[in-house]
Amino acid sequence: MNKRYPSADQPLNYEHVLFNHLECMSFFVAQGTADLKQMIEMFEQLAYTRIDHESRKILRFIKRVFRELQNFIEGYYDIKKNKIQDDADKPEEELGELEEEKEEVLDDLEGAYYKLLWRFLICNSPDLQKHDYSFEEVKEDLKDEVVPILPFDSETSEGILEDIIEEVEADVFGYRAKGKLPKEQEGEGFDDICGNSAQQIMETE
């Protein structure tokens, strides 16, 4: 009998649940009656119970990086908004355009998050170990997916992302607790890194 469809007297295994879930949800997504993000989040709950401890850390890393990126983008646009409001010569229309730009960047960032999350969960499922998705690959793919989205030039975007990656990696993998934090990060917290970066960008615009 096909491995994906066990008989009634066989317990449901991970692969059976996975493929049936994907088939059903993919159908409903195609029909427009289900949300792709909801599908990925549901699969995440299933996959989380089966991935190893190290993979869970990488999953946590992905989530943290995108959360910090979102916070950074929102902070950056808040600074720009305040700058426009403080300038009497700036038309009010600029505020609306700025808000639209911010929402577009955040939407693209959310799309990149779910794309990378989906890729990680599929590649690290216990039935696909030959297609393991390493931490170094995750970091490289983060650069490929995120840098084109950020509203800065490539060099600035890469610098921001690298700072966030280093800081989140140190937190998630416990480098501080183990005394292995790189020297350039000693005494500098995430808020300092991002706050300084946002201010420096605004000063050059």
N, C-alpha and C. Protein backbone atom coordinates (compact mmCIF):
# COMPACT_ATOMS: atom_id res chain seq x y z
N MET A 1 0.85 -1.20 0.00
CA MET A 1 0.00 0.00 0.00
C MET A 1 0.88 1.25 0.00
N ASN A 2 0.41 2.30 -0.66
CA ASN A 2 1.14 3.56 -0.71
C ASN A 2 1.44 4.05 0.70
N LYS A 3 2.68 4.42 0.92
CA LYS A 3 3.11 4.86 2.25
C LYS A 3 2.32 6.06 2.75
N ARG A 4 1.85 6.89 1.80
CA ARG A 4 1.17 8.10 2.18
C ARG A 4 -0.26 7.85 2.64
N TYR A 5 -0.79 6.67 2.35
CA TYR A 5 -2.18 6.39 2.69
C TYR A 5 -2.27 5.07 3.45
N PRO A 6 -1.98 5.06 4.74
CA PRO A 6 -2.00 3.83 5.53
C PRO A 6 -3.42 3.31 5.70
N SER A 7 -3.51 2.02 5.98
CA SER A 7 -4.83 1.43 6.20
C SER A 7 -5.38 1.90 7.53
N ALA A 8 -6.66 1.60 7.76
CA ALA A 8 -7.37 2.10 8.95
C ALA A 8 -6.75 1.58 10.25
N ASP A 9 -6.11 0.40 10.21
CA ASP A 9 -5.56 -0.15 11.44
C ASP A 9 -4.13 0.32 11.70
N GLN A 10 -3.60 1.18 10.84
CA GLN A 10 -2.26 1.72 11.04
C GLN A 10 -2.35 3.12 11.65
N PRO A 11 -1.47 3.43 12.59
CA PRO A 11 -1.50 4.79 13.17
C PRO A 11 -1.05 5.81 12.13
N LEU A 12 -1.58 7.01 12.23
CA LEU A 12 -1.16 8.08 11.33
C LEU A 12 0.28 8.44 11.63
N ASN A 13 1.12 8.47 10.61
CA ASN A 13 2.49 8.90 10.83
C ASN A 13 2.68 10.34 10.35
N TYR A 14 3.83 10.86 10.67
CA TYR A 14 4.10 12.27 10.37
C TYR A 14 3.95 12.56 8.89
N GLU A 15 4.52 11.70 8.04
CA GLU A 15 4.51 11.94 6.60
C GLU A 15 3.08 11.94 6.06
N HIS A 16 2.26 11.02 6.55
CA HIS A 16 0.87 10.95 6.11
C HIS A 16 0.13 12.24 6.44
N VAL A 17 0.27 12.69 7.67
CA VAL A 17 -0.40 13.93 8.09
C VAL A 17 0.13 15.11 7.28
N LEU A 18 1.44 15.17 7.08
CA LEU A 18 2.05 16.27 6.36
C LEU A 18 1.51 16.38 4.94
N PHE A 19 1.58 15.29 4.19
CA PHE A 19 1.19 15.37 2.80
C PHE A 19 -0.31 15.61 2.63
N ASN A 20 -1.11 15.00 3.47
CA ASN A 20 -2.55 15.23 3.38
C ASN A 20 -2.89 16.67 3.75
N HIS A 21 -2.19 17.18 4.77
CA HIS A 21 -2.41 18.57 5.17
C HIS A 21 -2.05 19.51 4.03
N LEU A 22 -0.91 19.28 3.40
CA LEU A 22 -0.47 20.15 2.32
C LEU A 22 -1.41 20.06 1.13
N GLU A 23 -1.85 18.86 0.80
CA GLU A 23 -2.75 18.69 -0.33
C GLU A 23 -4.07 19.42 -0.10
N CYS A 24 -4.63 19.24 1.08
CA CYS A 24 -5.92 19.88 1.40
C CYS A 24 -5.78 21.40 1.44
N MET A 25 -4.76 21.88 2.16
CA MET A 25 -4.61 23.31 2.30
C MET A 25 -4.26 23.96 0.96
N SER A 26 -3.42 23.30 0.15
CA SER A 26 -3.07 23.85 -1.16
C SER A 26 -4.30 24.01 -2.03
N PHE A 27 -5.22 23.04 -1.94
CA PHE A 27 -6.46 23.13 -2.72
C PHE A 27 -7.27 24.34 -2.29
N PHE A 28 -7.40 24.53 -0.98
CA PHE A 28 -8.21 25.64 -0.49
C PHE A 28 -7.55 26.99 -0.75
N VAL A 29 -6.20 27.02 -0.71
CA VAL A 29 -5.49 28.25 -1.05
C VAL A 29 -5.74 28.61 -2.50
N ALA A 30 -5.66 27.59 -3.38
CA ALA A 30 -5.90 27.81 -4.81
C ALA A 30 -7.32 28.29 -5.07
N GLN A 31 -8.26 27.83 -4.28
CA GLN A 31 -9.66 28.22 -4.43
C GLN A 31 -9.95 29.59 -3.80
N GLY A 32 -8.97 30.12 -3.09
CA GLY A 32 -9.15 31.41 -2.45
C GLY A 32 -9.95 31.35 -1.16
N THR A 33 -10.10 30.16 -0.60
CA THR A 33 -10.87 30.02 0.64
C THR A 33 -9.99 29.76 1.86
N ALA A 34 -8.68 29.77 1.67
CA ALA A 34 -7.77 29.60 2.80
C ALA A 34 -6.57 30.51 2.58
N ASP A 35 -5.93 30.87 3.65
CA ASP A 35 -4.81 31.80 3.61
C ASP A 35 -3.50 31.03 3.64
N LEU A 36 -2.57 31.38 2.74
CA LEU A 36 -1.29 30.69 2.67
C LEU A 36 -0.51 30.84 3.98
N LYS A 37 -0.57 32.02 4.59
CA LYS A 37 0.13 32.23 5.86
C LYS A 37 -0.42 31.31 6.94
N GLN A 38 -1.74 31.15 6.96
CA GLN A 38 -2.35 30.25 7.93
C GLN A 38 -1.89 28.82 7.70
N MET A 39 -1.79 28.45 6.44
CA MET A 39 -1.33 27.10 6.09
C MET A 39 0.08 26.85 6.62
N ILE A 40 0.97 27.82 6.41
CA ILE A 40 2.35 27.66 6.86
C ILE A 40 2.43 27.62 8.38
N GLU A 41 1.66 28.46 9.05
CA GLU A 41 1.66 28.48 10.52
C GLU A 41 1.14 27.16 11.09
N MET A 42 0.13 26.58 10.45
CA MET A 42 -0.40 25.29 10.91
C MET A 42 0.66 24.20 10.74
N PHE A 43 1.36 24.24 9.60
CA PHE A 43 2.40 23.25 9.36
C PHE A 43 3.54 23.42 10.35
N GLU A 44 3.82 24.67 10.72
CA GLU A 44 4.89 24.93 11.69
C GLU A 44 4.61 24.22 13.01
N GLN A 45 3.36 24.25 13.45
CA GLN A 45 3.00 23.59 14.71
C GLN A 45 3.24 22.09 14.62
N LEU A 46 2.95 21.52 13.46
CA LEU A 46 3.17 20.09 13.26
C LEU A 46 4.67 19.77 13.20
N ALA A 47 5.41 20.58 12.42
CA ALA A 47 6.83 20.31 12.23
C ALA A 47 7.64 20.53 13.50
N TYR A 48 7.22 21.48 14.33
CA TYR A 48 7.99 21.84 15.53
C TYR A 48 8.16 20.66 16.48
N THR A 49 7.17 19.78 16.50
CA THR A 49 7.24 18.63 17.40
C THR A 49 8.22 17.58 16.93
N ARG A 50 8.69 17.70 15.67
CA ARG A 50 9.54 16.66 15.11
C ARG A 50 10.96 17.09 14.80
N ILE A 51 11.22 18.40 14.79
CA ILE A 51 12.58 18.83 14.48
C ILE A 51 13.44 18.80 15.75
N ASP A 52 14.76 18.69 15.56
CA ASP A 52 15.65 18.56 16.72
C ASP A 52 15.89 19.92 17.38
N HIS A 53 16.60 19.86 18.50
CA HIS A 53 16.82 21.06 19.32
C HIS A 53 17.56 22.14 18.55
N GLU A 54 18.57 21.75 17.78
CA GLU A 54 19.35 22.74 17.04
C GLU A 54 18.50 23.41 15.96
N SER A 55 17.64 22.63 15.31
CA SER A 55 16.76 23.20 14.29
C SER A 55 15.77 24.17 14.90
N ARG A 56 15.34 23.89 16.13
CA ARG A 56 14.43 24.82 16.81
C ARG A 56 15.12 26.16 17.07
N LYS A 57 16.40 26.10 17.38
CA LYS A 57 17.14 27.34 17.59
C LYS A 57 17.21 28.15 16.29
N ILE A 58 17.43 27.46 15.18
CA ILE A 58 17.48 28.15 13.89
C ILE A 58 16.12 28.75 13.55
N LEU A 59 15.06 28.02 13.85
CA LEU A 59 13.71 28.52 13.64
C LEU A 59 13.48 29.79 14.48
N ARG A 60 13.93 29.74 15.73
CA ARG A 60 13.80 30.91 16.61
C ARG A 60 14.62 32.09 16.06
N PHE A 61 15.78 31.77 15.51
CA PHE A 61 16.64 32.79 14.91
C PHE A 61 15.93 33.50 13.76
N ILE A 62 15.31 32.72 12.87
CA ILE A 62 14.59 33.29 11.72
C ILE A 62 13.50 34.24 12.19
N LYS A 63 12.72 33.78 13.17
CA LYS A 63 11.61 34.59 13.68
C LYS A 63 12.13 35.90 14.29
N ARG A 64 13.20 35.79 15.07
CA ARG A 64 13.74 36.98 15.74
C ARG A 64 14.29 37.98 14.74
N VAL A 65 15.01 37.49 13.74
CA VAL A 65 15.59 38.40 12.74
C VAL A 65 14.50 39.22 12.05
N PHE A 66 13.43 38.54 11.65
CA PHE A 66 12.36 39.26 10.96
C PHE A 66 11.61 40.19 11.90
N ARG A 67 11.47 39.80 13.15
CA ARG A 67 10.81 40.69 14.11
C ARG A 67 11.64 41.97 14.32
N GLU A 68 12.96 41.80 14.43
CA GLU A 68 13.82 42.96 14.63
C GLU A 68 13.87 43.83 13.37
N LEU A 69 13.82 43.19 12.21
CA LEU A 69 13.78 43.95 10.96
C LEU A 69 12.50 44.79 10.89
N GLN A 70 11.39 44.19 11.29
CA GLN A 70 10.12 44.91 11.30
C GLN A 70 10.21 46.11 12.24
N ASN A 71 10.75 45.90 13.43
CA ASN A 71 10.90 46.99 14.40
C ASN A 71 11.80 48.10 13.85
N PHE A 72 12.87 47.69 13.17
CA PHE A 72 13.79 48.67 12.61
C PHE A 72 13.11 49.52 11.54
N ILE A 73 12.38 48.85 10.63
CA ILE A 73 11.69 49.57 9.55
C ILE A 73 10.66 50.54 10.11
N GLU A 74 9.89 50.08 11.09
CA GLU A 74 8.88 50.96 11.70
C GLU A 74 9.54 52.16 12.37
N GLY A 75 10.65 51.92 13.06
CA GLY A 75 11.37 53.02 13.71
C GLY A 75 11.94 54.00 12.70
N TYR A 76 12.48 53.46 11.62
CA TYR A 76 13.05 54.31 10.57
C TYR A 76 11.99 55.23 9.97
N TYR A 77 10.83 54.67 9.65
CA TYR A 77 9.77 55.49 9.06
C TYR A 77 9.16 56.46 10.07
N ASP A 78 9.18 56.11 11.33
CA ASP A 78 8.71 57.06 12.36
C ASP A 78 9.62 58.29 12.40
N ILE A 79 10.93 58.05 12.28
CA ILE A 79 11.88 59.17 12.26
C ILE A 79 11.63 60.05 11.04
N LYS A 80 11.40 59.41 9.87
CA LYS A 80 11.12 60.18 8.66
C LYS A 80 9.83 60.97 8.79
N LYS A 81 8.82 60.34 9.40
CA LYS A 81 7.53 61.01 9.60
C LYS A 81 7.70 62.25 10.48
N ASN A 82 8.43 62.10 11.56
CA ASN A 82 8.67 63.24 12.47
C ASN A 82 9.43 64.36 11.77
N LYS A 83 10.35 63.97 10.90
CA LYS A 83 11.14 64.96 10.17
C LYS A 83 10.24 65.77 9.23
N ILE A 84 9.30 65.10 8.57
CA ILE A 84 8.36 65.79 7.67
C ILE A 84 7.44 66.71 8.46
N GLN A 85 6.95 66.21 9.60
CA GLN A 85 6.03 67.00 10.42
C GLN A 85 6.70 68.24 11.00
N ASP A 86 8.01 68.15 11.24
CA ASP A 86 8.74 69.29 11.80
C ASP A 86 9.11 70.33 10.75
N ASP A 87 8.96 69.94 9.48
CA ASP A 87 9.32 70.85 8.38
C ASP A 87 8.06 71.48 7.81
N ALA A 88 7.89 72.76 8.05
CA ALA A 88 6.66 73.45 7.61
C ALA A 88 6.54 73.50 6.10
N ASP A 89 7.66 73.37 5.38
CA ASP A 89 7.63 73.46 3.92
C ASP A 89 7.24 72.15 3.26
N LYS A 90 7.18 71.07 4.03
CA LYS A 90 6.83 69.76 3.47
C LYS A 90 5.31 69.65 3.35
N PRO A 91 4.80 69.23 2.18
CA PRO A 91 3.34 69.08 2.02
C PRO A 91 2.81 67.88 2.80
N GLU A 92 1.56 67.95 3.22
CA GLU A 92 0.93 66.87 3.99
C GLU A 92 0.88 65.57 3.18
N GLU A 93 0.82 65.71 1.85
CA GLU A 93 0.72 64.52 1.00
C GLU A 93 1.90 63.58 1.20
N GLU A 94 3.03 64.15 1.59
CA GLU A 94 4.23 63.33 1.79
C GLU A 94 4.04 62.31 2.91
N LEU A 95 3.24 62.67 3.91
CA LEU A 95 2.99 61.75 5.02
C LEU A 95 2.23 60.53 4.53
N GLY A 96 1.22 60.76 3.68
CA GLY A 96 0.45 59.64 3.13
C GLY A 96 1.31 58.75 2.25
N GLU A 97 2.15 59.36 1.43
CA GLU A 97 3.05 58.59 0.56
C GLU A 97 4.05 57.79 1.39
N LEU A 98 4.51 58.40 2.47
CA LEU A 98 5.47 57.72 3.35
C LEU A 98 4.82 56.50 4.01
N GLU A 99 3.57 56.64 4.45
CA GLU A 99 2.86 55.54 5.08
C GLU A 99 2.65 54.40 4.09
N GLU A 100 2.31 54.74 2.85
CA GLU A 100 2.13 53.72 1.81
C GLU A 100 3.44 52.98 1.54
N GLU A 101 4.52 53.74 1.49
CA GLU A 101 5.84 53.14 1.26
C GLU A 101 6.20 52.19 2.39
N LYS A 102 5.94 52.62 3.63
CA LYS A 102 6.24 51.77 4.79
C LYS A 102 5.44 50.47 4.74
N GLU A 103 4.14 50.56 4.45
CA GLU A 103 3.30 49.37 4.41
C GLU A 103 3.74 48.42 3.31
N GLU A 104 4.19 48.97 2.19
CA GLU A 104 4.67 48.13 1.09
C GLU A 104 5.93 47.37 1.49
N VAL A 105 6.85 48.06 2.16
CA VAL A 105 8.09 47.41 2.62
C VAL A 105 7.77 46.33 3.64
N LEU A 106 6.87 46.63 4.59
CA LEU A 106 6.51 45.65 5.62
C LEU A 106 5.80 44.45 5.01
N ASP A 107 4.96 44.67 4.00
CA ASP A 107 4.28 43.56 3.32
C ASP A 107 5.29 42.67 2.61
N ASP A 108 6.26 43.28 1.93
CA ASP A 108 7.30 42.51 1.25
C ASP A 108 8.15 41.73 2.26
N LEU A 109 8.41 42.36 3.39
CA LEU A 109 9.19 41.71 4.45
C LEU A 109 8.43 40.50 5.00
N GLU A 110 7.13 40.66 5.19
CA GLU A 110 6.32 39.56 5.68
C GLU A 110 6.31 38.41 4.66
N GLY A 111 6.23 38.75 3.37
CA GLY A 111 6.28 37.72 2.34
C GLY A 111 7.59 36.96 2.35
N ALA A 112 8.70 37.67 2.55
CA ALA A 112 10.01 37.03 2.62
C ALA A 112 10.10 36.12 3.84
N TYR A 113 9.50 36.56 4.95
CA TYR A 113 9.51 35.75 6.18
C TYR A 113 8.81 34.42 5.96
N TYR A 114 7.61 34.45 5.41
CA TYR A 114 6.87 33.21 5.21
C TYR A 114 7.53 32.32 4.16
N LYS A 115 8.15 32.93 3.17
CA LYS A 115 8.86 32.16 2.15
C LYS A 115 10.03 31.40 2.77
N LEU A 116 10.80 32.10 3.60
CA LEU A 116 11.97 31.47 4.23
C LEU A 116 11.55 30.47 5.30
N LEU A 117 10.50 30.80 6.05
CA LEU A 117 9.99 29.88 7.07
C LEU A 117 9.52 28.59 6.43
N TRP A 118 8.78 28.70 5.36
CA TRP A 118 8.25 27.52 4.64
C TRP A 118 9.39 26.65 4.14
N ARG A 119 10.40 27.30 3.54
CA ARG A 119 11.56 26.56 3.02
C ARG A 119 12.28 25.81 4.14
N PHE A 120 12.46 26.50 5.26
CA PHE A 120 13.16 25.87 6.39
C PHE A 120 12.38 24.67 6.93
N LEU A 121 11.08 24.81 7.11
CA LEU A 121 10.27 23.74 7.68
C LEU A 121 10.23 22.52 6.77
N ILE A 122 10.10 22.75 5.48
CA ILE A 122 10.07 21.64 4.53
C ILE A 122 11.41 20.92 4.50
N CYS A 123 12.50 21.68 4.38
CA CYS A 123 13.82 21.07 4.25
C CYS A 123 14.29 20.38 5.53
N ASN A 124 13.79 20.80 6.68
CA ASN A 124 14.22 20.22 7.94
C ASN A 124 13.21 19.26 8.55
N SER A 125 12.21 18.86 7.77
CA SER A 125 11.26 17.87 8.29
C SER A 125 11.99 16.53 8.42
N PRO A 126 11.62 15.69 9.38
CA PRO A 126 12.36 14.46 9.65
C PRO A 126 12.35 13.48 8.49
N ASP A 127 11.43 13.62 7.56
CA ASP A 127 11.36 12.69 6.42
C ASP A 127 12.18 13.18 5.24
N LEU A 128 12.83 14.33 5.37
CA LEU A 128 13.61 14.89 4.27
C LEU A 128 15.01 15.26 4.72
N GLN A 129 15.61 14.42 5.54
CA GLN A 129 16.91 14.74 6.13
C GLN A 129 18.01 14.91 5.08
N LYS A 130 17.85 14.28 3.93
CA LYS A 130 18.86 14.42 2.89
C LYS A 130 18.88 15.83 2.31
N HIS A 131 17.81 16.57 2.57
CA HIS A 131 17.71 17.93 2.05
C HIS A 131 17.83 18.93 3.20
N ASP A 132 18.63 18.62 4.17
CA ASP A 132 18.79 19.47 5.35
C ASP A 132 19.18 20.89 4.94
N TYR A 133 18.62 21.86 5.65
CA TYR A 133 18.81 23.28 5.37
C TYR A 133 19.67 23.86 6.48
N SER A 134 20.95 24.07 6.20
CA SER A 134 21.90 24.44 7.24
C SER A 134 21.74 25.90 7.68
N PHE A 135 22.33 26.19 8.83
CA PHE A 135 22.26 27.55 9.38
C PHE A 135 22.96 28.54 8.46
N GLU A 136 24.08 28.14 7.87
CA GLU A 136 24.80 29.04 6.96
C GLU A 136 23.96 29.33 5.73
N GLU A 137 23.24 28.33 5.23
CA GLU A 137 22.34 28.56 4.09
C GLU A 137 21.22 29.53 4.46
N VAL A 138 20.70 29.39 5.66
CA VAL A 138 19.64 30.29 6.13
C VAL A 138 20.14 31.73 6.10
N LYS A 139 21.35 31.97 6.60
CA LYS A 139 21.88 33.33 6.65
C LYS A 139 22.13 33.89 5.25
N GLU A 140 22.59 33.04 4.34
CA GLU A 140 22.80 33.49 2.96
C GLU A 140 21.47 33.82 2.29
N ASP A 141 20.47 32.98 2.52
CA ASP A 141 19.16 33.21 1.92
C ASP A 141 18.48 34.44 2.53
N LEU A 142 18.75 34.70 3.80
CA LEU A 142 18.25 35.93 4.41
C LEU A 142 18.75 37.15 3.64
N LYS A 143 20.02 37.15 3.30
CA LYS A 143 20.58 38.27 2.54
C LYS A 143 19.94 38.38 1.16
N ASP A 144 19.78 37.23 0.50
CA ASP A 144 19.19 37.24 -0.84
C ASP A 144 17.76 37.75 -0.84
N GLU A 145 16.99 37.38 0.19
CA GLU A 145 15.57 37.73 0.24
C GLU A 145 15.32 39.13 0.80
N VAL A 146 16.12 39.53 1.79
CA VAL A 146 15.82 40.76 2.53
C VAL A 146 16.47 42.01 1.95
N VAL A 147 17.72 41.91 1.52
CA VAL A 147 18.44 43.11 1.06
C VAL A 147 17.69 43.87 -0.05
N PRO A 148 17.12 43.19 -1.07
CA PRO A 148 16.40 43.92 -2.11
C PRO A 148 15.13 44.61 -1.61
N ILE A 149 14.62 44.18 -0.46
CA ILE A 149 13.36 44.73 0.08
C ILE A 149 13.58 46.02 0.85
N LEU A 150 14.68 46.10 1.58
CA LEU A 150 14.92 47.26 2.45
C LEU A 150 15.04 48.54 1.62
N PRO A 151 14.50 49.65 2.13
CA PRO A 151 14.44 50.90 1.36
C PRO A 151 15.73 51.71 1.37
N PHE A 152 16.86 51.02 1.24
CA PHE A 152 18.16 51.69 1.25
C PHE A 152 18.98 51.13 0.10
N ASP A 153 20.17 51.68 -0.12
CA ASP A 153 21.07 51.10 -1.11
C ASP A 153 21.58 49.75 -0.60
N SER A 154 22.13 48.95 -1.51
CA SER A 154 22.52 47.58 -1.17
C SER A 154 23.53 47.52 -0.03
N GLU A 155 24.52 48.41 -0.06
CA GLU A 155 25.56 48.39 0.97
C GLU A 155 24.98 48.68 2.35
N THR A 156 24.11 49.70 2.41
CA THR A 156 23.48 50.05 3.69
C THR A 156 22.59 48.92 4.18
N SER A 157 21.80 48.34 3.26
CA SER A 157 20.88 47.26 3.62
C SER A 157 21.64 46.05 4.15
N GLU A 158 22.74 45.70 3.48
CA GLU A 158 23.55 44.56 3.93
C GLU A 158 24.14 44.82 5.31
N GLY A 159 24.59 46.05 5.54
CA GLY A 159 25.16 46.38 6.85
C GLY A 159 24.14 46.27 7.97
N ILE A 160 22.93 46.78 7.73
CA ILE A 160 21.86 46.69 8.73
C ILE A 160 21.53 45.23 9.02
N LEU A 161 21.36 44.45 7.95
CA LEU A 161 21.00 43.04 8.13
C LEU A 161 22.10 42.28 8.86
N GLU A 162 23.34 42.52 8.51
CA GLU A 162 24.46 41.83 9.17
C GLU A 162 24.51 42.16 10.66
N ASP A 163 24.27 43.42 11.02
CA ASP A 163 24.25 43.80 12.44
C ASP A 163 23.15 43.04 13.18
N ILE A 164 21.97 42.98 12.56
CA ILE A 164 20.84 42.29 13.20
C ILE A 164 21.12 40.80 13.31
N ILE A 165 21.65 40.20 12.25
CA ILE A 165 21.95 38.77 12.27
C ILE A 165 22.95 38.45 13.38
N GLU A 166 24.01 39.23 13.49
CA GLU A 166 25.04 38.98 14.51
C GLU A 166 24.46 39.09 15.91
N GLU A 167 23.64 40.11 16.13
CA GLU A 167 23.08 40.33 17.46
C GLU A 167 22.10 39.23 17.84
N VAL A 168 21.21 38.87 16.91
CA VAL A 168 20.22 37.83 17.18
C VAL A 168 20.91 36.47 17.35
N GLU A 169 21.90 36.20 16.51
CA GLU A 169 22.63 34.93 16.62
C GLU A 169 23.29 34.81 17.99
N ALA A 170 23.87 35.90 18.47
CA ALA A 170 24.51 35.89 19.79
C ALA A 170 23.50 35.58 20.89
N ASP A 171 22.30 36.13 20.77
CA ASP A 171 21.26 35.89 21.78
C ASP A 171 20.72 34.46 21.71
N VAL A 172 20.35 34.03 20.51
CA VAL A 172 19.69 32.73 20.35
C VAL A 172 20.63 31.58 20.68
N PHE A 173 21.88 31.68 20.26
CA PHE A 173 22.82 30.58 20.47
C PHE A 173 23.65 30.75 21.74
N GLY A 174 23.33 31.77 22.55
CA GLY A 174 23.94 31.91 23.86
C GLY A 174 25.40 32.27 23.86
N TYR A 175 25.88 33.01 22.85
CA TYR A 175 27.29 33.37 22.81
C TYR A 175 27.68 34.24 24.00
N ARG A 176 26.76 35.11 24.43
CA ARG A 176 27.08 35.98 25.56
C ARG A 176 27.30 35.15 26.83
N ALA A 177 26.37 34.22 27.05
CA ALA A 177 26.45 33.38 28.25
C ALA A 177 27.71 32.52 28.24
N LYS A 178 28.17 32.16 27.02
CA LYS A 178 29.34 31.29 26.91
C LYS A 178 30.64 32.09 26.79
N GLY A 179 30.52 33.42 26.80
CA GLY A 179 31.71 34.25 26.68
C GLY A 179 32.33 34.21 25.31
N LYS A 180 31.50 33.97 24.26
CA LYS A 180 32.02 33.86 22.90
C LYS A 180 31.55 34.99 22.00
N LEU A 181 31.05 36.06 22.57
CA LEU A 181 30.55 37.17 21.77
C LEU A 181 31.72 37.85 21.05
N PRO A 182 31.60 38.06 19.74
CA PRO A 182 32.67 38.74 19.01
C PRO A 182 33.00 40.09 19.64
N LYS A 183 34.29 40.48 19.61
CA LYS A 183 34.73 41.70 20.28
C LYS A 183 33.99 42.95 19.80
N GLU A 184 33.69 42.99 18.48
CA GLU A 184 33.04 44.20 17.97
C GLU A 184 31.64 44.38 18.52
N GLN A 185 31.06 43.33 19.15
CA GLN A 185 29.72 43.43 19.69
C GLN A 185 29.70 43.63 21.21
N GLU A 186 30.86 43.56 21.84
CA GLU A 186 30.90 43.67 23.29
C GLU A 186 30.42 45.05 23.73
N GLY A 187 29.52 45.06 24.70
CA GLY A 187 29.03 46.32 25.25
C GLY A 187 28.03 47.05 24.38
N GLU A 188 27.60 46.42 23.29
CA GLU A 188 26.66 47.07 22.38
C GLU A 188 25.43 46.19 22.24
N GLY A 189 24.28 46.71 22.63
CA GLY A 189 23.04 45.95 22.55
C GLY A 189 22.33 46.19 21.24
N PHE A 190 21.25 45.42 21.04
CA PHE A 190 20.51 45.52 19.78
C PHE A 190 19.93 46.92 19.58
N ASP A 191 19.36 47.49 20.63
CA ASP A 191 18.76 48.82 20.50
C ASP A 191 19.79 49.86 20.11
N ASP A 192 21.02 49.72 20.64
CA ASP A 192 22.08 50.66 20.28
C ASP A 192 22.44 50.54 18.81
N ILE A 193 22.59 49.29 18.36
CA ILE A 193 22.96 49.04 16.97
C ILE A 193 21.94 49.64 16.02
N CYS A 194 20.65 49.29 16.23
CA CYS A 194 19.61 49.73 15.31
C CYS A 194 19.30 51.22 15.46
N GLY A 195 19.33 51.70 16.69
CA GLY A 195 19.07 53.12 16.89
C GLY A 195 20.12 53.98 16.21
N ASN A 196 21.38 53.59 16.36
CA ASN A 196 22.46 54.33 15.72
C ASN A 196 22.37 54.24 14.20
N SER A 197 22.04 53.05 13.68
CA SER A 197 21.94 52.85 12.24
C SER A 197 20.85 53.73 11.64
N ALA A 198 19.68 53.74 12.27
CA ALA A 198 18.56 54.53 11.75
C ALA A 198 18.90 56.02 11.75
N GLN A 199 19.53 56.47 12.82
CA GLN A 199 19.88 57.89 12.92
C GLN A 199 20.93 58.26 11.88
N GLN A 200 21.92 57.39 11.68
CA GLN A 200 22.97 57.66 10.70
C GLN A 200 22.40 57.74 9.29
N ILE A 201 21.45 56.86 8.99
CA ILE A 201 20.82 56.86 7.67
C ILE A 201 20.09 58.18 7.44
N MET A 202 19.33 58.60 8.44
CA MET A 202 18.56 59.83 8.32
C MET A 202 19.48 61.04 8.13
N GLU A 203 20.64 61.02 8.76
CA GLU A 203 21.56 62.16 8.65
C GLU A 203 22.17 62.28 7.26
N THR A 204 22.20 61.16 6.52
CA THR A 204 22.78 61.19 5.17
C THR A 204 21.74 61.48 4.10
N GLU A 205 20.45 61.49 4.47
CA GLU A 205 19.39 61.70 3.48
C GLU A 205 19.08 63.18 3.30
